[in-house]
Amino acid sequence: MGPTVRLDITTILEATDELQHFLNLGAALLRAEGPLSEEAAEALIFKLADELEEHLRAMSDQQGPAGIGDLRAWTRAWIDERRKAYPEESLPGEENAQ
């Protein structure tokens, strides 16, 4: 197996129009965790980004080369699944959703 190249999650999130959804998920996670130091909050968000990267790699390994549409679908499904863990944390614009 060759060397692993890190994915640029920010670029992927921007290209797939999922950046705001990811940020909303991060905000819900931070609210659910309660007060954290700036360092701990950053670590939590970076961990979330690492988990997304692992998910996108796994999906690509399973399904082969991915286009923007694939990345968008995989990213949204991952965000939606993670979001289920924080149902009590409503996000802007979600109050009447569902």
PDB file of N, CA and C in Angstrom:
ATOM      1  N   MET A   1       0.849  -1.182   0.000  1.00  0.00           N
ATOM      2  CA  MET A   1       0.000   0.000   0.000  1.00  0.00           C
ATOM      3  C   MET A   1       0.887   1.236   0.000  1.00  0.00           C
ATOM      4  N   GLY A   2       0.551   2.202  -0.823  1.00  0.00           N
ATOM      5  CA  GLY A   2       1.345   3.411  -0.949  1.00  0.00           C
ATOM      6  C   GLY A   2       1.068   4.395   0.171  1.00  0.00           C
ATOM      7  N   PRO A   3       1.771   5.515   0.135  1.00  0.00           N
ATOM      8  CA  PRO A   3       1.570   6.537   1.167  1.00  0.00           C
ATOM      9  C   PRO A   3       0.150   7.123   1.080  1.00  0.00           C
ATOM     10  N   THR A   4      -0.349   7.540   2.220  1.00  0.00           N
ATOM     11  CA  THR A   4      -1.678   8.127   2.287  1.00  0.00           C
ATOM     12  C   THR A   4      -1.579   9.640   2.189  1.00  0.00           C
ATOM     13  N   VAL A   5      -2.398  10.217   1.354  1.00  0.00           N
ATOM     14  CA  VAL A   5      -2.454  11.670   1.202  1.00  0.00           C
ATOM     15  C   VAL A   5      -3.692  12.144   1.949  1.00  0.00           C
ATOM     16  N   ARG A   6      -3.536  13.179   2.760  1.00  0.00           N
ATOM     17  CA  ARG A   6      -4.680  13.717   3.512  1.00  0.00           C
ATOM     18  C   ARG A   6      -5.625  14.428   2.550  1.00  0.00           C
ATOM     19  N   LEU A   7      -6.896  14.219   2.774  1.00  0.00           N
ATOM     20  CA  LEU A   7      -7.907  14.927   1.990  1.00  0.00           C
ATOM     21  C   LEU A   7      -8.058  16.337   2.537  1.00  0.00           C
ATOM     22  N   ASP A   8      -8.342  17.275   1.661  1.00  0.00           N
ATOM     23  CA  ASP A   8      -8.599  18.650   2.093  1.00  0.00           C
ATOM     24  C   ASP A   8     -10.101  18.763   2.365  1.00  0.00           C
ATOM     25  N   ILE A   9     -10.468  18.472   3.604  1.00  0.00           N
ATOM     26  CA  ILE A   9     -11.882  18.419   3.979  1.00  0.00           C
ATOM     27  C   ILE A   9     -12.577  19.761   3.751  1.00  0.00           C
ATOM     28  N   THR A  10     -11.906  20.857   4.036  1.00  0.00           N
ATOM     29  CA  THR A  10     -12.526  22.171   3.830  1.00  0.00           C
ATOM     30  C   THR A  10     -12.896  22.363   2.363  1.00  0.00           C
ATOM     31  N   THR A  11     -11.991  22.020   1.466  1.00  0.00           N
ATOM     32  CA  THR A  11     -12.261  22.160   0.035  1.00  0.00           C
ATOM     33  C   THR A  11     -13.408  21.249  -0.393  1.00  0.00           C
ATOM     34  N   ILE A  12     -13.417  20.027   0.117  1.00  0.00           N
ATOM     35  CA  ILE A  12     -14.495  19.097  -0.218  1.00  0.00           C
ATOM     36  C   ILE A  12     -15.831  19.641   0.288  1.00  0.00           C
ATOM     37  N   LEU A  13     -15.842  20.132   1.522  1.00  0.00           N
ATOM     38  CA  LEU A  13     -17.087  20.670   2.086  1.00  0.00           C
ATOM     39  C   LEU A  13     -17.574  21.888   1.300  1.00  0.00           C
ATOM     40  N   GLU A  14     -16.662  22.733   0.873  1.00  0.00           N
ATOM     41  CA  GLU A  14     -17.043  23.901   0.080  1.00  0.00           C
ATOM     42  C   GLU A  14     -17.552  23.478  -1.298  1.00  0.00           C
ATOM     43  N   ALA A  15     -16.847  22.561  -1.950  1.00  0.00           N
ATOM     44  CA  ALA A  15     -17.219  22.128  -3.301  1.00  0.00           C
ATOM     45  C   ALA A  15     -18.554  21.397  -3.324  1.00  0.00           C
ATOM     46  N   THR A  16     -18.893  20.728  -2.234  1.00  0.00           N
ATOM     47  CA  THR A  16     -20.142  19.965  -2.173  1.00  0.00           C
ATOM     48  C   THR A  16     -21.279  20.751  -1.528  1.00  0.00           C
ATOM     49  N   ASP A  17     -21.018  21.991  -1.166  1.00  0.00           N
ATOM     50  CA  ASP A  17     -22.006  22.845  -0.479  1.00  0.00           C
ATOM     51  C   ASP A  17     -22.445  22.259   0.865  1.00  0.00           C
ATOM     52  N   GLU A  18     -21.564  21.520   1.512  1.00  0.00           N
ATOM     53  CA  GLU A  18     -21.878  20.914   2.804  1.00  0.00           C
ATOM     54  C   GLU A  18     -21.139  21.579   3.970  1.00  0.00           C
ATOM     55  N   LEU A  19     -20.398  22.642   3.706  1.00  0.00           N
ATOM     56  CA  LEU A  19     -19.618  23.289   4.759  1.00  0.00           C
ATOM     57  C   LEU A  19     -20.510  23.777   5.898  1.00  0.00           C
ATOM     58  N   GLN A  20     -21.600  24.454   5.578  1.00  0.00           N
ATOM     59  CA  GLN A  20     -22.467  24.977   6.636  1.00  0.00           C
ATOM     60  C   GLN A  20     -23.086  23.844   7.451  1.00  0.00           C
ATOM     61  N   HIS A  21     -23.452  22.761   6.784  1.00  0.00           N
ATOM     62  CA  HIS A  21     -24.014  21.618   7.512  1.00  0.00           C
ATOM     63  C   HIS A  21     -22.975  21.018   8.466  1.00  0.00           C
ATOM     64  N   PHE A  22     -21.734  20.949   8.019  1.00  0.00           N
ATOM     65  CA  PHE A  22     -20.662  20.437   8.879  1.00  0.00           C
ATOM     66  C   PHE A  22     -20.452  21.376  10.069  1.00  0.00           C
ATOM     67  N   LEU A  23     -20.444  22.679   9.797  1.00  0.00           N
ATOM     68  CA  LEU A  23     -20.271  23.648  10.884  1.00  0.00           C
ATOM     69  C   LEU A  23     -21.427  23.579  11.873  1.00  0.00           C
ATOM     70  N   ASN A  24     -22.645  23.395  11.369  1.00  0.00           N
ATOM     71  CA  ASN A  24     -23.803  23.243  12.250  1.00  0.00           C
ATOM     72  C   ASN A  24     -23.675  21.993  13.114  1.00  0.00           C
ATOM     73  N   LEU A  25     -23.200  20.904  12.519  1.00  0.00           N
ATOM     74  CA  LEU A  25     -22.982  19.681  13.280  1.00  0.00           C
ATOM     75  C   LEU A  25     -21.943  19.918  14.373  1.00  0.00           C
ATOM     76  N   GLY A  26     -20.859  20.596  14.018  1.00  0.00           N
ATOM     77  CA  GLY A  26     -19.831  20.922  15.009  1.00  0.00           C
ATOM     78  C   GLY A  26     -20.382  21.772  16.134  1.00  0.00           C
ATOM     79  N   ALA A  27     -21.231  22.733  15.805  1.00  0.00           N
ATOM     80  CA  ALA A  27     -21.828  23.596  16.825  1.00  0.00           C
ATOM     81  C   ALA A  27     -22.729  22.785  17.760  1.00  0.00           C
ATOM     82  N   ALA A  28     -23.500  21.864  17.197  1.00  0.00           N
ATOM     83  CA  ALA A  28     -24.374  21.018  18.020  1.00  0.00           C
ATOM     84  C   ALA A  28     -23.535  20.134  18.946  1.00  0.00           C
ATOM     85  N   LEU A  29     -22.463  19.607  18.418  1.00  0.00           N
ATOM     86  CA  LEU A  29     -21.576  18.769  19.227  1.00  0.00           C
ATOM     87  C   LEU A  29     -20.966  19.567  20.369  1.00  0.00           C
ATOM     88  N   LEU A  30     -20.521  20.774  20.074  1.00  0.00           N
ATOM     89  CA  LEU A  30     -19.926  21.614  21.118  1.00  0.00           C
ATOM     90  C   LEU A  30     -20.958  21.985  22.189  1.00  0.00           C
ATOM     91  N   ARG A  31     -22.187  22.307  21.765  1.00  0.00           N
ATOM     92  CA  ARG A  31     -23.239  22.606  22.744  1.00  0.00           C
ATOM     93  C   ARG A  31     -23.534  21.395  23.612  1.00  0.00           C
ATOM     94  N   ALA A  32     -23.569  20.222  22.995  1.00  0.00           N
ATOM     95  CA  ALA A  32     -23.867  18.997  23.743  1.00  0.00           C
ATOM     96  C   ALA A  32     -22.752  18.660  24.740  1.00  0.00           C
ATOM     97  N   GLU A  33     -21.530  18.984  24.394  1.00  0.00           N
ATOM     98  CA  GLU A  33     -20.390  18.695  25.266  1.00  0.00           C
ATOM     99  C   GLU A  33     -20.322  19.635  26.455  1.00  0.00           C
ATOM    100  N   GLY A  34     -20.933  20.801  26.320  1.00  0.00           N
ATOM    101  CA  GLY A  34     -20.868  21.774  27.411  1.00  0.00           C
ATOM    102  C   GLY A  34     -19.629  22.633  27.287  1.00  0.00           C
ATOM    103  N   PRO A  35     -19.355  23.427  28.310  1.00  0.00           N
ATOM    104  CA  PRO A  35     -18.215  24.345  28.254  1.00  0.00           C
ATOM    105  C   PRO A  35     -16.887  23.598  28.072  1.00  0.00           C
ATOM    106  N   LEU A  36     -16.126  24.018  27.070  1.00  0.00           N
ATOM    107  CA  LEU A  36     -14.809  23.443  26.797  1.00  0.00           C
ATOM    108  C   LEU A  36     -13.806  24.580  26.619  1.00  0.00           C
ATOM    109  N   SER A  37     -12.563  24.271  26.889  1.00  0.00           N
ATOM    110  CA  SER A  37     -11.515  25.243  26.591  1.00  0.00           C
ATOM    111  C   SER A  37     -11.423  25.389  25.071  1.00  0.00           C
ATOM    112  N   GLU A  38     -10.812  26.462  24.622  1.00  0.00           N
ATOM    113  CA  GLU A  38     -10.648  26.673  23.179  1.00  0.00           C
ATOM    114  C   GLU A  38      -9.884  25.504  22.562  1.00  0.00           C
ATOM    115  N   GLU A  39      -8.844  25.050  23.248  1.00  0.00           N
ATOM    116  CA  GLU A  39      -8.044  23.921  22.777  1.00  0.00           C
ATOM    117  C   GLU A  39      -8.876  22.659  22.648  1.00  0.00           C
ATOM    118  N   ALA A  40      -9.692  22.366  23.651  1.00  0.00           N
ATOM    119  CA  ALA A  40     -10.526  21.165  23.634  1.00  0.00           C
ATOM    120  C   ALA A  40     -11.581  21.251  22.536  1.00  0.00           C
ATOM    121  N   ALA A  41     -12.150  22.436  22.342  1.00  0.00           N
ATOM    122  CA  ALA A  41     -13.151  22.629  21.300  1.00  0.00           C
ATOM    123  C   ALA A  41     -12.522  22.417  19.915  1.00  0.00           C
ATOM    124  N   GLU A  42     -11.338  22.964  19.699  1.00  0.00           N
ATOM    125  CA  GLU A  42     -10.636  22.770  18.427  1.00  0.00           C
ATOM    126  C   GLU A  42     -10.332  21.297  18.200  1.00  0.00           C
ATOM    127  N   ALA A  43      -9.886  20.618  19.239  1.00  0.00           N
ATOM    128  CA  ALA A  43      -9.563  19.197  19.124  1.00  0.00           C
ATOM    129  C   ALA A  43     -10.807  18.397  18.734  1.00  0.00           C
ATOM    130  N   LEU A  44     -11.944  18.759  19.293  1.00  0.00           N
ATOM    131  CA  LEU A  44     -13.197  18.071  18.998  1.00  0.00           C
ATOM    132  C   LEU A  44     -13.583  18.261  17.527  1.00  0.00           C
ATOM    133  N   ILE A  45     -13.443  19.478  17.026  1.00  0.00           N
ATOM    134  CA  ILE A  45     -13.788  19.758  15.630  1.00  0.00           C
ATOM    135  C   ILE A  45     -12.806  19.060  14.688  1.00  0.00           C
ATOM    136  N   PHE A  46     -11.524  19.060  15.015  1.00  0.00           N
ATOM    137  CA  PHE A  46     -10.548  18.359  14.179  1.00  0.00           C
ATOM    138  C   PHE A  46     -10.812  16.857  14.175  1.00  0.00           C
ATOM    139  N   LYS A  47     -11.242  16.320  15.306  1.00  0.00           N
ATOM    140  CA  LYS A  47     -11.587  14.897  15.375  1.00  0.00           C
ATOM    141  C   LYS A  47     -12.779  14.611  14.470  1.00  0.00           C
ATOM    142  N   LEU A  48     -13.760  15.500  14.467  1.00  0.00           N
ATOM    143  CA  LEU A  48     -14.921  15.359  13.606  1.00  0.00           C
ATOM    144  C   LEU A  48     -14.487  15.362  12.134  1.00  0.00           C
ATOM    145  N   ALA A  49     -13.594  16.265  11.775  1.00  0.00           N
ATOM    146  CA  ALA A  49     -13.085  16.329  10.401  1.00  0.00           C
ATOM    147  C   ALA A  49     -12.323  15.052  10.046  1.00  0.00           C
ATOM    148  N   ASP A  50     -11.547  14.529  10.981  1.00  0.00           N
ATOM    149  CA  ASP A  50     -10.823  13.278  10.739  1.00  0.00           C
ATOM    150  C   ASP A  50     -11.788  12.119  10.509  1.00  0.00           C
ATOM    151  N   GLU A  51     -12.876  12.095  11.280  1.00  0.00           N
ATOM    152  CA  GLU A  51     -13.880  11.043  11.106  1.00  0.00           C
ATOM    153  C   GLU A  51     -14.536  11.139   9.732  1.00  0.00           C
ATOM    154  N   LEU A  52     -14.810  12.359   9.288  1.00  0.00           N
ATOM    155  CA  LEU A  52     -15.388  12.546   7.955  1.00  0.00           C
ATOM    156  C   LEU A  52     -14.402  12.082   6.892  1.00  0.00           C
ATOM    157  N   GLU A  53     -13.143  12.426   7.054  1.00  0.00           N
ATOM    158  CA  GLU A  53     -12.127  11.995   6.090  1.00  0.00           C
ATOM    159  C   GLU A  53     -12.071  10.471   6.017  1.00  0.00           C
ATOM    160  N   GLU A  54     -12.088   9.817   7.155  1.00  0.00           N
ATOM    161  CA  GLU A  54     -12.066   8.349   7.181  1.00  0.00           C
ATOM    162  C   GLU A  54     -13.287   7.778   6.463  1.00  0.00           C
ATOM    163  N   HIS A  55     -14.444   8.394   6.689  1.00  0.00           N
ATOM    164  CA  HIS A  55     -15.673   7.947   6.027  1.00  0.00           C
ATOM    165  C   HIS A  55     -15.556   8.085   4.508  1.00  0.00           C
ATOM    166  N   LEU A  56     -15.080   9.233   4.044  1.00  0.00           N
ATOM    167  CA  LEU A  56     -14.959   9.448   2.601  1.00  0.00           C
ATOM    168  C   LEU A  56     -13.953   8.479   1.981  1.00  0.00           C
ATOM    169  N   ARG A  57     -12.868   8.202   2.667  1.00  0.00           N
ATOM    170  CA  ARG A  57     -11.893   7.219   2.168  1.00  0.00           C
ATOM    171  C   ARG A  57     -12.524   5.828   2.089  1.00  0.00           C
ATOM    172  N   ALA A  58     -13.246   5.454   3.129  1.00  0.00           N
ATOM    173  CA  ALA A  58     -13.882   4.126   3.150  1.00  0.00           C
ATOM    174  C   ALA A  58     -14.890   3.997   2.007  1.00  0.00           C
ATOM    175  N   MET A  59     -15.681   5.044   1.786  1.00  0.00           N
ATOM    176  CA  MET A  59     -16.662   5.011   0.704  1.00  0.00           C
ATOM    177  C   MET A  59     -15.968   4.911  -0.650  1.00  0.00           C
ATOM    178  N   SER A  60     -14.889   5.642  -0.827  1.00  0.00           N
ATOM    179  CA  SER A  60     -14.146   5.600  -2.079  1.00  0.00           C
ATOM    180  C   SER A  60     -13.513   4.221  -2.282  1.00  0.00           C
ATOM    181  N   ASP A  61     -13.007   3.630  -1.203  1.00  0.00           N
ATOM    182  CA  ASP A  61     -12.428   2.286  -1.295  1.00  0.00           C
ATOM    183  C   ASP A  61     -13.490   1.273  -1.720  1.00  0.00           C
ATOM    184  N   GLN A  62     -14.709   1.442  -1.208  1.00  0.00           N
ATOM    185  CA  GLN A  62     -15.801   0.518  -1.525  1.00  0.00           C
ATOM    186  C   GLN A  62     -16.350   0.723  -2.930  1.00  0.00           C
ATOM    187  N   GLN A  63     -16.475   1.986  -3.338  1.00  0.00           N
ATOM    188  CA  GLN A  63     -17.198   2.276  -4.563  1.00  0.00           C
ATOM    189  C   GLN A  63     -16.342   2.791  -5.706  1.00  0.00           C
ATOM    190  N   GLY A  64     -15.064   2.988  -5.473  1.00  0.00           N
ATOM    191  CA  GLY A  64     -14.180   3.445  -6.534  1.00  0.00           C
ATOM    192  C   GLY A  64     -14.113   4.962  -6.620  1.00  0.00           C
ATOM    193  N   PRO A  65     -13.577   5.454  -7.717  1.00  0.00           N
ATOM    194  CA  PRO A  65     -13.407   6.901  -7.885  1.00  0.00           C
ATOM    195  C   PRO A  65     -14.718   7.657  -7.678  1.00  0.00           C
ATOM    196  N   ALA A  66     -14.595   8.828  -7.073  1.00  0.00           N
ATOM    197  CA  ALA A  66     -15.782   9.604  -6.716  1.00  0.00           C
ATOM    198  C   ALA A  66     -15.793  10.956  -7.405  1.00  0.00           C
ATOM    199  N   GLY A  67     -16.972  11.348  -7.834  1.00  0.00           N
ATOM    200  CA  GLY A  67     -17.181  12.689  -8.359  1.00  0.00           C
ATOM    201  C   GLY A  67     -17.761  13.572  -7.265  1.00  0.00           C
ATOM    202  N   ILE A  68     -18.002  14.821  -7.594  1.00  0.00           N
ATOM    203  CA  ILE A  68     -18.563  15.772  -6.623  1.00  0.00           C
ATOM    204  C   ILE A  68     -19.909  15.285  -6.105  1.00  0.00           C
ATOM    205  N   GLY A  69     -20.738  14.753  -6.972  1.00  0.00           N
ATOM    206  CA  GLY A  69     -22.043  14.249  -6.545  1.00  0.00           C
ATOM    207  C   GLY A  69     -21.914  13.126  -5.523  1.00  0.00           C
ATOM    208  N   ASP A  70     -20.955  12.235  -5.760  1.00  0.00           N
ATOM    209  CA  ASP A  70     -20.714  11.146  -4.800  1.00  0.00           C
ATOM    210  C   ASP A  70     -20.260  11.704  -3.463  1.00  0.00           C
ATOM    211  N   LEU A  71     -19.280  12.614  -3.516  1.00  0.00           N
ATOM    212  CA  LEU A  71     -18.767  13.213  -2.278  1.00  0.00           C
ATOM    213  C   LEU A  71     -19.877  13.930  -1.521  1.00  0.00           C
ATOM    214  N   ARG A  72     -20.741  14.623  -2.250  1.00  0.00           N
ATOM    215  CA  ARG A  72     -21.858  15.337  -1.625  1.00  0.00           C
ATOM    216  C   ARG A  72     -22.792  14.338  -0.932  1.00  0.00           C
ATOM    217  N   ALA A  73     -23.155  13.286  -1.617  1.00  0.00           N
ATOM    218  CA  ALA A  73     -24.069  12.286  -1.049  1.00  0.00           C
ATOM    219  C   ALA A  73     -23.442  11.603   0.163  1.00  0.00           C
ATOM    220  N   TRP A  74     -22.194  11.214   0.057  1.00  0.00           N
ATOM    221  CA  TRP A  74     -21.517  10.531   1.162  1.00  0.00           C
ATOM    222  C   TRP A  74     -21.358  11.450   2.365  1.00  0.00           C
ATOM    223  N   THR A  75     -21.013  12.718   2.083  1.00  0.00           N
ATOM    224  CA  THR A  75     -20.817  13.687   3.162  1.00  0.00           C
ATOM    225  C   THR A  75     -22.140  13.978   3.856  1.00  0.00           C
ATOM    226  N   ARG A  76     -23.186  14.221   3.078  1.00  0.00           N
ATOM    227  CA  ARG A  76     -24.492  14.531   3.667  1.00  0.00           C
ATOM    228  C   ARG A  76     -25.006  13.350   4.489  1.00  0.00           C
ATOM    229  N   ALA A  77     -24.844  12.140   3.981  1.00  0.00           N
ATOM    230  CA  ALA A  77     -25.298  10.957   4.724  1.00  0.00           C
ATOM    231  C   ALA A  77     -24.542  10.839   6.048  1.00  0.00           C
ATOM    232  N   TRP A  78     -23.247  11.106   6.020  1.00  0.00           N
ATOM    233  CA  TRP A  78     -22.435  11.040   7.240  1.00  0.00           C
ATOM    234  C   TRP A  78     -22.874  12.106   8.240  1.00  0.00           C
ATOM    235  N   ILE A  79     -23.070  13.329   7.758  1.00  0.00           N
ATOM    236  CA  ILE A  79     -23.515  14.427   8.632  1.00  0.00           C
ATOM    237  C   ILE A  79     -24.886  14.097   9.222  1.00  0.00           C
ATOM    238  N   ASP A  80     -25.805  13.640   8.378  1.00  0.00           N
ATOM    239  CA  ASP A  80     -27.151  13.314   8.860  1.00  0.00           C
ATOM    240  C   ASP A  80     -27.103  12.217   9.917  1.00  0.00           C
ATOM    241  N   GLU A  81     -26.269  11.230   9.711  1.00  0.00           N
ATOM    242  CA  GLU A  81     -26.150  10.141  10.692  1.00  0.00           C
ATOM    243  C   GLU A  81     -25.592  10.662  12.017  1.00  0.00           C
ATOM    244  N   ARG A  82     -24.573  11.500  11.961  1.00  0.00           N
ATOM    245  CA  ARG A  82     -23.995  12.070  13.184  1.00  0.00           C
ATOM    246  C   ARG A  82     -24.989  12.987  13.887  1.00  0.00           C
ATOM    247  N   ARG A  83     -25.792  13.676  13.099  1.00  0.00           N
ATOM    248  CA  ARG A  83     -26.767  14.637  13.628  1.00  0.00           C
ATOM    249  C   ARG A  83     -27.802  13.946  14.519  1.00  0.00           C
ATOM    250  N   LYS A  84     -28.101  12.688  14.206  1.00  0.00           N
ATOM    251  CA  LYS A  84     -29.074  11.925  14.987  1.00  0.00           C
ATOM    252  C   LYS A  84     -28.647  11.781  16.446  1.00  0.00           C
ATOM    253  N   ALA A  85     -27.373  11.889  16.716  1.00  0.00           N
ATOM    254  CA  ALA A  85     -26.865  11.759  18.085  1.00  0.00           C
ATOM    255  C   ALA A  85     -27.187  12.994  18.925  1.00  0.00           C
ATOM    256  N   TYR A  86     -27.591  14.092  18.287  1.00  0.00           N
ATOM    257  CA  TYR A  86     -27.850  15.351  19.005  1.00  0.00           C
ATOM    258  C   TYR A  86     -29.216  15.912  18.645  1.00  0.00           C
ATOM    259  N   PRO A  87     -30.289  15.123  18.769  1.00  0.00           N
ATOM    260  CA  PRO A  87     -31.609  15.606  18.333  1.00  0.00           C
ATOM    261  C   PRO A  87     -32.124  16.783  19.153  1.00  0.00           C
ATOM    262  N   GLU A  88     -31.703  16.887  20.391  1.00  0.00           N
ATOM    263  CA  GLU A  88     -32.192  17.983  21.237  1.00  0.00           C
ATOM    264  C   GLU A  88     -31.495  19.298  20.937  1.00  0.00           C
ATOM    265  N   GLU A  89     -30.432  19.270  20.178  1.00  0.00           N
ATOM    266  CA  GLU A  89     -29.676  20.485  19.834  1.00  0.00           C
ATOM    267  C   GLU A  89     -30.197  21.024  18.503  1.00  0.00           C
ATOM    268  N   SER A  90     -31.206  21.883  18.533  1.00  0.00           N
ATOM    269  CA  SER A  90     -31.739  22.408  17.287  1.00  0.00           C
ATOM    270  C   SER A  90     -30.768  23.430  16.699  1.00  0.00           C
ATOM    271  N   LEU A  91     -30.744  23.449  15.390  1.00  0.00           N
ATOM    272  CA  LEU A  91     -29.839  24.334  14.658  1.00  0.00           C
ATOM    273  C   LEU A  91     -30.642  25.434  13.989  1.00  0.00           C
ATOM    274  N   PRO A  92     -29.974  26.539  13.643  1.00  0.00           N
ATOM    275  CA  PRO A  92     -30.681  27.599  12.928  1.00  0.00           C
ATOM    276  C   PRO A  92     -31.347  27.046  11.670  1.00  0.00           C
ATOM    277  N   GLY A  93     -32.631  27.335  11.490  1.00  0.00           N
ATOM    278  CA  GLY A  93     -33.346  26.872  10.325  1.00  0.00           C
ATOM    279  C   GLY A  93     -33.918  25.468  10.466  1.00  0.00           C
ATOM    280  N   GLU A  94     -33.608  24.778  11.552  1.00  0.00           N
ATOM    281  CA  GLU A  94     -34.086  23.407  11.730  1.00  0.00           C
ATOM    282  C   GLU A  94     -35.285  23.318  12.656  1.00  0.00           C
ATOM    283  N   GLU A  95     -35.684  24.393  13.267  1.00  0.00           N
ATOM    284  CA  GLU A  95     -36.749  24.345  14.255  1.00  0.00           C
ATOM    285  C   GLU A  95     -38.007  23.691  13.710  1.00  0.00           C
ATOM    286  N   ASN A  96     -38.352  23.985  12.453  1.00  0.00           N
ATOM    287  CA  ASN A  96     -39.572  23.436  11.870  1.00  0.00           C
ATOM    288  C   ASN A  96     -39.289  22.363  10.833  1.00  0.00           C
ATOM    289  N   ALA A  97     -38.038  21.941  10.740  1.00  0.00           N
ATOM    290  CA  ALA A  97     -37.668  20.926   9.751  1.00  0.00           C
ATOM    291  C   ALA A  97     -38.162  19.563  10.202  1.00  0.00           C
ATOM    292  N   GLN A  98     -38.212  18.645   9.249  1.00  0.00           N
ATOM    293  CA  GLN A  98     -38.560  17.237   9.437  1.00  0.00           C
ATOM    294  C   GLN A  98     -39.927  16.989   9.170  1.00  0.00           C
TER     295      GLN A  98
END
